[in-house]
């Protein structure tokens, strides 16, 4: 068993509380210096799912193991789990999220308003139905869309 899992058990995490998936999109570059963990401008392919777990005495705790894996696979051509950049990402993303991301929802098995093709398993990507059926939002050849972001100042 890996160290974080032992720590969670020791702290009483998760007892009877399933952790929700939190669906959203990256809207800004990473302020922590990770090229793979931020996106600005054209954010069409910047959707991302984060997670939370319940810790007795603390409540819901944010975690992002997928982004730690992304650092391993994508930063500087790939890194080992012991690389200082990966260790820093693991520490930073266990108990917090980098706030360059906008949450949409935590819904599963969702019936969209006006949809006639049944529920969708989760809502993280744009959805579209035609008379012929629901389009595959992960098929860039047949489903095209663009999402952009920009910083607003007061």
N, C-alpha and C. Protein backbone atom coordinates (compact mmCIF):
# COMPACT_ATOMS: atom_id res chain seq x y z
N UNK A 1 0.85 -1.18 0.00
CA UNK A 1 0.00 0.00 0.00
C UNK A 1 0.89 1.24 0.00
N UNK A 2 0.57 2.19 -0.84
CA UNK A 2 1.37 3.42 -0.90
C UNK A 2 1.12 4.29 0.32
N UNK A 3 2.08 5.12 0.65
CA UNK A 3 2.05 5.97 1.84
C UNK A 3 0.78 6.82 1.95
N UNK A 4 0.34 7.54 0.90
CA UNK A 4 -0.87 8.36 1.06
C UNK A 4 -2.10 7.53 1.45
N UNK A 5 -2.23 6.32 0.89
CA UNK A 5 -3.38 5.49 1.24
C UNK A 5 -3.33 5.07 2.71
N UNK A 6 -2.13 4.75 3.23
CA UNK A 6 -2.00 4.42 4.66
C UNK A 6 -2.39 5.62 5.51
N UNK A 7 -1.93 6.79 5.09
CA UNK A 7 -2.26 8.00 5.85
C UNK A 7 -3.75 8.24 5.86
N UNK A 8 -4.41 8.03 4.74
CA UNK A 8 -5.85 8.24 4.68
C UNK A 8 -6.57 7.27 5.60
N UNK A 9 -6.16 6.01 5.60
CA UNK A 9 -6.80 5.05 6.49
C UNK A 9 -6.57 5.41 7.95
N UNK A 10 -5.35 5.82 8.27
CA UNK A 10 -5.02 6.19 9.65
C UNK A 10 -5.86 7.39 10.09
N UNK A 11 -6.13 8.31 9.17
CA UNK A 11 -6.90 9.51 9.50
C UNK A 11 -8.41 9.28 9.44
N UNK A 12 -8.84 8.10 9.00
CA UNK A 12 -10.27 7.81 8.96
C UNK A 12 -10.94 8.35 7.72
N UNK A 13 -10.22 8.44 6.62
CA UNK A 13 -10.78 9.04 5.40
C UNK A 13 -11.74 8.10 4.70
N UNK A 14 -12.78 8.68 4.17
CA UNK A 14 -13.65 8.02 3.23
C UNK A 14 -14.69 7.08 3.81
N UNK A 15 -14.77 6.89 5.08
CA UNK A 15 -15.71 5.92 5.65
C UNK A 15 -17.14 6.26 5.26
N UNK A 16 -17.67 5.51 4.30
CA UNK A 16 -19.06 5.70 3.90
C UNK A 16 -19.31 6.96 3.09
N UNK A 17 -18.29 7.65 2.68
CA UNK A 17 -18.44 8.89 1.91
C UNK A 17 -17.75 8.72 0.56
N UNK A 18 -18.49 8.37 -0.49
CA UNK A 18 -17.83 8.26 -1.80
C UNK A 18 -17.33 9.64 -2.25
N UNK A 19 -16.13 9.69 -2.75
CA UNK A 19 -15.58 10.96 -3.21
C UNK A 19 -16.15 11.34 -4.56
N UNK A 20 -16.61 12.57 -4.71
CA UNK A 20 -17.18 12.98 -5.99
C UNK A 20 -16.10 13.33 -7.02
N UNK A 21 -16.41 13.09 -8.27
CA UNK A 21 -15.63 13.64 -9.37
C UNK A 21 -16.10 15.07 -9.54
N UNK A 22 -15.18 15.99 -9.80
CA UNK A 22 -15.53 17.38 -10.02
C UNK A 22 -15.07 17.74 -11.43
N UNK A 23 -16.02 17.96 -12.33
CA UNK A 23 -15.72 18.21 -13.74
C UNK A 23 -15.55 19.70 -13.99
N UNK A 24 -14.56 20.05 -14.81
CA UNK A 24 -14.33 21.45 -15.11
C UNK A 24 -13.36 21.64 -16.25
N UNK A 25 -12.75 22.83 -16.29
CA UNK A 25 -11.85 23.17 -17.39
C UNK A 25 -10.76 24.11 -16.88
N UNK A 26 -9.56 23.93 -17.40
CA UNK A 26 -8.46 24.83 -17.07
C UNK A 26 -8.69 26.15 -17.81
N UNK A 27 -8.51 27.27 -17.11
CA UNK A 27 -8.79 28.57 -17.72
C UNK A 27 -7.59 29.51 -17.70
N UNK A 28 -6.47 29.06 -17.14
CA UNK A 28 -5.27 29.91 -17.07
C UNK A 28 -4.03 29.02 -17.00
N UNK A 29 -2.90 29.61 -17.34
CA UNK A 29 -1.63 28.89 -17.23
C UNK A 29 -1.34 28.59 -15.76
N UNK A 30 -0.53 27.58 -15.53
CA UNK A 30 -0.16 27.20 -14.17
C UNK A 30 0.75 28.26 -13.57
N UNK A 31 0.40 28.76 -12.40
CA UNK A 31 1.24 29.71 -11.68
C UNK A 31 2.37 28.99 -10.95
N UNK A 32 2.30 27.65 -10.91
CA UNK A 32 3.31 26.85 -10.23
C UNK A 32 4.44 26.42 -11.17
N UNK A 33 4.35 26.80 -12.43
CA UNK A 33 5.42 26.50 -13.37
C UNK A 33 5.27 25.20 -14.13
N UNK A 34 4.14 24.52 -14.02
CA UNK A 34 3.92 23.27 -14.74
C UNK A 34 3.29 23.58 -16.10
N UNK A 35 4.00 23.31 -17.17
CA UNK A 35 3.47 23.58 -18.51
C UNK A 35 2.25 22.70 -18.80
N UNK A 36 2.23 21.49 -18.28
CA UNK A 36 1.15 20.55 -18.57
C UNK A 36 -0.10 20.78 -17.71
N UNK A 37 -0.03 21.62 -16.69
CA UNK A 37 -1.16 21.77 -15.77
C UNK A 37 -1.90 23.09 -15.91
N UNK A 38 -1.72 23.76 -17.02
CA UNK A 38 -2.43 25.01 -17.25
C UNK A 38 -2.71 25.20 -18.71
N UNK A 39 -3.64 26.08 -19.00
CA UNK A 39 -3.99 26.38 -20.39
C UNK A 39 -4.72 27.70 -20.38
N UNK A 40 -4.39 28.55 -21.34
CA UNK A 40 -5.12 29.82 -21.51
C UNK A 40 -5.30 30.06 -22.99
N UNK A 41 -6.12 31.06 -23.31
CA UNK A 41 -6.40 31.32 -24.72
C UNK A 41 -7.37 30.28 -25.25
N UNK A 42 -6.92 29.46 -26.19
CA UNK A 42 -7.75 28.38 -26.73
C UNK A 42 -7.71 27.23 -25.72
N UNK A 43 -8.79 27.07 -24.97
CA UNK A 43 -8.87 26.02 -23.95
C UNK A 43 -9.82 24.90 -24.38
N UNK A 44 -10.01 24.75 -25.69
CA UNK A 44 -10.93 23.76 -26.22
C UNK A 44 -10.64 22.36 -25.68
N UNK A 45 -9.39 22.01 -25.51
CA UNK A 45 -9.04 20.67 -25.04
C UNK A 45 -8.47 20.71 -23.62
N UNK A 46 -8.98 21.60 -22.80
CA UNK A 46 -8.45 21.76 -21.45
C UNK A 46 -9.40 21.25 -20.36
N UNK A 47 -10.39 20.44 -20.74
CA UNK A 47 -11.29 19.88 -19.74
C UNK A 47 -10.49 18.97 -18.80
N UNK A 48 -10.92 18.94 -17.55
CA UNK A 48 -10.18 18.16 -16.55
C UNK A 48 -11.12 17.78 -15.41
N UNK A 49 -10.94 16.58 -14.89
CA UNK A 49 -11.72 16.09 -13.77
C UNK A 49 -10.83 16.00 -12.54
N UNK A 50 -11.29 16.56 -11.46
CA UNK A 50 -10.57 16.50 -10.18
C UNK A 50 -11.40 15.68 -9.20
N UNK A 51 -10.86 15.46 -8.02
CA UNK A 51 -11.55 14.61 -7.05
C UNK A 51 -11.48 15.21 -5.66
N UNK A 52 -12.34 14.69 -4.79
CA UNK A 52 -12.33 15.05 -3.38
C UNK A 52 -12.54 13.76 -2.58
N UNK A 53 -12.08 13.75 -1.36
CA UNK A 53 -12.40 12.66 -0.45
C UNK A 53 -12.79 13.27 0.88
N UNK A 54 -13.56 12.52 1.65
CA UNK A 54 -14.05 13.00 2.94
C UNK A 54 -13.10 12.55 4.04
N UNK A 55 -12.63 13.47 4.85
CA UNK A 55 -11.72 13.18 5.94
C UNK A 55 -12.41 13.54 7.25
N UNK A 56 -12.66 12.52 8.07
CA UNK A 56 -13.33 12.76 9.35
C UNK A 56 -12.63 13.87 10.11
N UNK A 57 -13.39 14.83 10.60
CA UNK A 57 -12.84 15.94 11.36
C UNK A 57 -12.42 17.12 10.51
N UNK A 58 -12.36 16.94 9.18
CA UNK A 58 -11.94 18.02 8.27
C UNK A 58 -12.99 18.34 7.22
N UNK A 59 -13.70 17.32 6.76
CA UNK A 59 -14.65 17.50 5.67
C UNK A 59 -14.05 17.08 4.35
N UNK A 60 -14.52 17.68 3.26
CA UNK A 60 -14.08 17.29 1.92
C UNK A 60 -12.70 17.89 1.63
N UNK A 61 -11.79 17.04 1.17
CA UNK A 61 -10.40 17.42 0.90
C UNK A 61 -10.14 17.27 -0.60
N UNK A 62 -9.66 18.32 -1.27
CA UNK A 62 -9.37 18.21 -2.70
C UNK A 62 -8.07 17.46 -2.96
N UNK A 63 -8.06 16.65 -4.01
CA UNK A 63 -6.86 15.95 -4.46
C UNK A 63 -6.86 15.93 -5.98
N UNK A 64 -5.69 15.78 -6.57
CA UNK A 64 -5.62 15.71 -8.02
C UNK A 64 -4.52 14.74 -8.46
N UNK A 65 -4.74 13.43 -8.23
CA UNK A 65 -3.74 12.45 -8.63
C UNK A 65 -3.52 12.41 -10.14
N UNK A 66 -4.54 12.74 -10.93
CA UNK A 66 -4.38 12.74 -12.38
C UNK A 66 -3.36 13.79 -12.82
N UNK A 67 -3.34 14.94 -12.16
CA UNK A 67 -2.35 15.95 -12.53
C UNK A 67 -0.95 15.56 -12.10
N UNK A 68 -0.81 14.83 -11.01
CA UNK A 68 0.52 14.33 -10.65
C UNK A 68 1.00 13.39 -11.75
N UNK A 69 0.13 12.52 -12.22
CA UNK A 69 0.50 11.61 -13.32
C UNK A 69 0.83 12.39 -14.59
N UNK A 70 0.12 13.46 -14.83
CA UNK A 70 0.38 14.31 -16.00
C UNK A 70 1.79 14.92 -15.92
N UNK A 71 2.20 15.33 -14.72
CA UNK A 71 3.55 15.85 -14.53
C UNK A 71 4.57 14.75 -14.86
N UNK A 72 4.32 13.53 -14.37
CA UNK A 72 5.22 12.40 -14.64
C UNK A 72 5.36 12.18 -16.15
N UNK A 73 4.26 12.18 -16.86
CA UNK A 73 4.26 11.83 -18.28
C UNK A 73 4.67 12.96 -19.22
N UNK A 74 4.34 14.22 -18.86
CA UNK A 74 4.46 15.29 -19.85
C UNK A 74 5.50 16.36 -19.57
N UNK A 75 5.93 16.54 -18.35
CA UNK A 75 6.89 17.62 -18.07
C UNK A 75 8.30 17.20 -18.48
N UNK A 76 8.90 17.98 -19.34
CA UNK A 76 10.29 17.74 -19.74
C UNK A 76 10.55 16.39 -20.35
N UNK A 77 9.59 15.83 -21.07
CA UNK A 77 9.79 14.55 -21.73
C UNK A 77 9.57 13.34 -20.84
N UNK A 78 9.10 13.54 -19.63
CA UNK A 78 8.81 12.44 -18.72
C UNK A 78 9.73 12.48 -17.51
N UNK A 79 9.20 12.12 -16.36
CA UNK A 79 9.95 12.19 -15.11
C UNK A 79 9.67 10.95 -14.28
N UNK A 80 10.60 10.62 -13.39
CA UNK A 80 10.39 9.51 -12.47
C UNK A 80 9.54 9.99 -11.30
N UNK A 81 9.00 9.04 -10.55
CA UNK A 81 8.18 9.40 -9.39
C UNK A 81 9.01 10.08 -8.30
N UNK A 82 10.33 9.89 -8.32
CA UNK A 82 11.20 10.50 -7.32
C UNK A 82 11.73 11.86 -7.76
N UNK A 83 11.46 12.26 -8.98
CA UNK A 83 11.94 13.54 -9.47
C UNK A 83 11.40 14.65 -8.57
N UNK A 84 12.22 15.65 -8.20
CA UNK A 84 11.77 16.73 -7.32
C UNK A 84 10.51 17.45 -7.82
N UNK A 85 10.36 17.59 -9.14
CA UNK A 85 9.17 18.24 -9.67
C UNK A 85 7.91 17.41 -9.40
N UNK A 86 8.03 16.10 -9.53
CA UNK A 86 6.89 15.20 -9.27
C UNK A 86 6.58 15.18 -7.78
N UNK A 87 7.60 15.11 -6.94
CA UNK A 87 7.40 15.12 -5.49
C UNK A 87 6.69 16.41 -5.07
N UNK A 88 7.12 17.54 -5.62
CA UNK A 88 6.48 18.83 -5.31
C UNK A 88 5.03 18.85 -5.77
N UNK A 89 4.75 18.32 -6.95
CA UNK A 89 3.38 18.27 -7.45
C UNK A 89 2.52 17.38 -6.55
N UNK A 90 3.05 16.23 -6.14
CA UNK A 90 2.29 15.32 -5.27
C UNK A 90 1.95 16.00 -3.94
N UNK A 91 2.92 16.70 -3.37
CA UNK A 91 2.66 17.40 -2.10
C UNK A 91 1.64 18.52 -2.28
N UNK A 92 1.77 19.26 -3.36
CA UNK A 92 0.89 20.42 -3.59
C UNK A 92 -0.54 20.01 -3.92
N UNK A 93 -0.69 18.90 -4.64
CA UNK A 93 -2.00 18.51 -5.14
C UNK A 93 -2.70 17.48 -4.25
N UNK A 94 -2.14 17.21 -3.08
CA UNK A 94 -2.81 16.38 -2.07
C UNK A 94 -3.27 17.32 -0.97
N UNK A 95 -4.53 17.71 -1.03
CA UNK A 95 -5.08 18.64 -0.05
C UNK A 95 -5.41 20.00 -0.64
N UNK A 96 -5.08 20.19 -1.92
CA UNK A 96 -5.42 21.46 -2.58
C UNK A 96 -5.41 21.27 -4.08
N UNK A 97 -6.00 22.20 -4.77
CA UNK A 97 -5.97 22.26 -6.22
C UNK A 97 -5.34 23.58 -6.61
N UNK A 98 -4.66 23.61 -7.73
CA UNK A 98 -4.21 24.90 -8.26
C UNK A 98 -5.45 25.59 -8.83
N UNK A 99 -5.62 26.85 -8.51
CA UNK A 99 -6.88 27.52 -8.85
C UNK A 99 -6.85 28.21 -10.21
N UNK A 100 -6.36 27.50 -11.20
CA UNK A 100 -6.41 27.97 -12.58
C UNK A 100 -7.45 27.16 -13.35
N UNK A 101 -8.48 26.77 -12.65
CA UNK A 101 -9.45 25.81 -13.15
C UNK A 101 -10.85 26.23 -12.68
N UNK A 102 -11.84 26.02 -13.52
CA UNK A 102 -13.22 26.38 -13.21
C UNK A 102 -14.06 25.10 -13.17
N UNK A 103 -14.70 24.85 -12.04
CA UNK A 103 -15.55 23.65 -11.90
C UNK A 103 -16.88 23.87 -12.59
N UNK A 104 -17.37 22.83 -13.26
CA UNK A 104 -18.71 22.85 -13.86
C UNK A 104 -19.72 22.20 -12.93
N UNK A 105 -19.45 20.95 -12.56
CA UNK A 105 -20.45 20.17 -11.83
C UNK A 105 -19.85 18.87 -11.31
N UNK A 106 -20.67 18.12 -10.58
CA UNK A 106 -20.29 16.80 -10.08
C UNK A 106 -21.32 15.75 -10.52
N UNK A 107 -22.11 16.08 -11.51
CA UNK A 107 -23.25 15.25 -11.91
C UNK A 107 -22.83 13.96 -12.62
N UNK A 108 -23.57 12.90 -12.34
CA UNK A 108 -23.45 11.62 -13.03
C UNK A 108 -24.84 11.22 -13.51
N UNK A 109 -24.90 10.49 -14.61
CA UNK A 109 -26.18 10.02 -15.16
C UNK A 109 -27.17 11.17 -15.27
N UNK A 110 -26.79 12.15 -16.07
CA UNK A 110 -27.48 13.43 -16.16
C UNK A 110 -28.41 13.48 -17.37
N UNK A 111 -29.66 13.88 -17.14
CA UNK A 111 -30.61 14.11 -18.23
C UNK A 111 -30.51 15.60 -18.59
N UNK A 112 -30.05 15.90 -19.79
CA UNK A 112 -29.93 17.29 -20.22
C UNK A 112 -31.28 17.85 -20.65
N UNK A 113 -31.56 19.12 -20.36
CA UNK A 113 -32.83 19.72 -20.77
C UNK A 113 -33.00 19.64 -22.29
N UNK A 114 -34.14 19.17 -22.73
CA UNK A 114 -34.44 19.09 -24.15
C UNK A 114 -33.82 17.90 -24.87
N UNK A 115 -33.00 17.12 -24.19
CA UNK A 115 -32.37 15.97 -24.83
C UNK A 115 -33.37 14.82 -24.93
N UNK A 116 -33.32 14.10 -26.05
CA UNK A 116 -34.24 12.98 -26.23
C UNK A 116 -33.51 11.64 -26.28
N UNK A 117 -32.22 11.64 -26.16
CA UNK A 117 -31.43 10.42 -26.33
C UNK A 117 -30.98 9.80 -25.01
N UNK A 118 -31.64 10.12 -23.93
CA UNK A 118 -31.30 9.52 -22.65
C UNK A 118 -30.22 10.31 -21.91
N UNK A 119 -29.84 9.76 -20.78
CA UNK A 119 -28.89 10.43 -19.91
C UNK A 119 -27.46 10.30 -20.45
N UNK A 120 -26.62 11.25 -20.03
CA UNK A 120 -25.19 11.15 -20.31
C UNK A 120 -24.51 10.73 -19.01
N UNK A 121 -23.40 9.98 -19.10
CA UNK A 121 -22.77 9.49 -17.87
C UNK A 121 -22.20 10.60 -16.99
N UNK A 122 -21.69 11.67 -17.60
CA UNK A 122 -21.14 12.82 -16.88
C UNK A 122 -21.09 13.99 -17.85
N UNK A 123 -20.99 15.22 -17.32
CA UNK A 123 -20.96 16.40 -18.18
C UNK A 123 -19.63 17.13 -17.98
N UNK A 124 -18.72 16.91 -18.94
CA UNK A 124 -17.45 17.63 -18.93
C UNK A 124 -17.17 18.25 -20.30
N UNK A 125 -17.77 17.70 -21.34
CA UNK A 125 -17.55 18.18 -22.71
C UNK A 125 -18.87 18.71 -23.27
N UNK A 126 -18.81 19.62 -24.25
CA UNK A 126 -20.05 20.07 -24.91
C UNK A 126 -20.82 18.87 -25.45
N UNK A 127 -22.13 18.98 -25.47
CA UNK A 127 -23.00 17.91 -25.94
C UNK A 127 -23.87 18.43 -27.08
N UNK A 128 -24.23 17.53 -28.01
CA UNK A 128 -25.07 17.93 -29.14
C UNK A 128 -25.90 16.74 -29.61
N UNK A 129 -27.18 17.01 -29.87
CA UNK A 129 -28.07 16.02 -30.47
C UNK A 129 -28.62 16.57 -31.77
N UNK A 130 -28.75 15.69 -32.74
CA UNK A 130 -29.43 16.02 -33.99
C UNK A 130 -30.56 15.02 -34.16
N UNK A 131 -31.32 15.14 -35.23
CA UNK A 131 -32.38 14.17 -35.51
C UNK A 131 -31.81 12.77 -35.68
N UNK A 132 -30.55 12.68 -36.09
CA UNK A 132 -29.90 11.38 -36.31
C UNK A 132 -29.35 10.77 -35.02
N UNK A 133 -29.26 11.55 -33.96
CA UNK A 133 -28.76 11.01 -32.70
C UNK A 133 -27.79 11.96 -32.01
N UNK A 134 -27.21 11.48 -30.93
CA UNK A 134 -26.24 12.27 -30.16
C UNK A 134 -24.87 12.18 -30.83
N UNK A 135 -24.22 13.33 -30.99
CA UNK A 135 -22.88 13.35 -31.57
C UNK A 135 -21.86 12.97 -30.50
N UNK A 136 -20.76 12.38 -30.94
CA UNK A 136 -19.67 12.00 -30.05
C UNK A 136 -18.78 13.22 -29.84
N UNK A 137 -18.82 13.82 -28.65
CA UNK A 137 -18.06 15.04 -28.39
C UNK A 137 -16.55 14.81 -28.37
N UNK A 138 -16.11 13.55 -28.38
CA UNK A 138 -14.68 13.25 -28.41
C UNK A 138 -14.20 12.88 -29.81
N UNK A 139 -15.05 13.09 -30.81
CA UNK A 139 -14.71 12.80 -32.21
C UNK A 139 -14.48 14.13 -32.94
N UNK A 140 -13.22 14.62 -32.97
CA UNK A 140 -12.95 15.94 -33.54
C UNK A 140 -13.26 16.06 -35.03
N UNK A 141 -13.35 14.95 -35.72
CA UNK A 141 -13.67 14.96 -37.15
C UNK A 141 -15.12 15.37 -37.40
N UNK A 142 -16.02 15.00 -36.48
CA UNK A 142 -17.44 15.24 -36.68
C UNK A 142 -18.09 16.16 -35.65
N UNK A 143 -17.35 16.54 -34.62
CA UNK A 143 -17.89 17.40 -33.58
C UNK A 143 -16.87 18.50 -33.31
N UNK A 144 -17.14 19.67 -33.83
CA UNK A 144 -16.18 20.77 -33.70
C UNK A 144 -16.75 21.87 -32.81
N UNK A 145 -15.92 22.37 -31.92
CA UNK A 145 -16.28 23.48 -31.06
C UNK A 145 -15.00 24.17 -30.63
N UNK A 146 -15.14 25.36 -30.09
CA UNK A 146 -13.98 26.09 -29.58
C UNK A 146 -14.38 26.79 -28.28
N UNK A 147 -13.50 26.70 -27.29
CA UNK A 147 -13.68 27.38 -26.02
C UNK A 147 -12.43 28.23 -25.79
N UNK A 148 -12.63 29.49 -25.45
CA UNK A 148 -11.48 30.37 -25.20
C UNK A 148 -11.61 31.01 -23.82
N UNK A 149 -10.46 31.41 -23.29
CA UNK A 149 -10.46 32.12 -22.01
C UNK A 149 -9.55 33.33 -22.12
N UNK A 150 -9.84 34.32 -21.30
CA UNK A 150 -8.94 35.46 -21.17
C UNK A 150 -9.15 36.07 -19.79
N UNK A 151 -8.10 36.64 -19.28
CA UNK A 151 -8.17 37.24 -17.96
C UNK A 151 -8.86 38.59 -18.04
N UNK A 152 -9.76 38.84 -17.11
CA UNK A 152 -10.45 40.12 -17.00
C UNK A 152 -9.89 40.87 -15.80
N UNK A 153 -9.68 42.15 -15.95
CA UNK A 153 -9.21 42.96 -14.83
C UNK A 153 -10.25 44.01 -14.50
N UNK A 154 -10.27 44.42 -13.25
CA UNK A 154 -11.26 45.40 -12.80
C UNK A 154 -10.86 46.82 -13.20
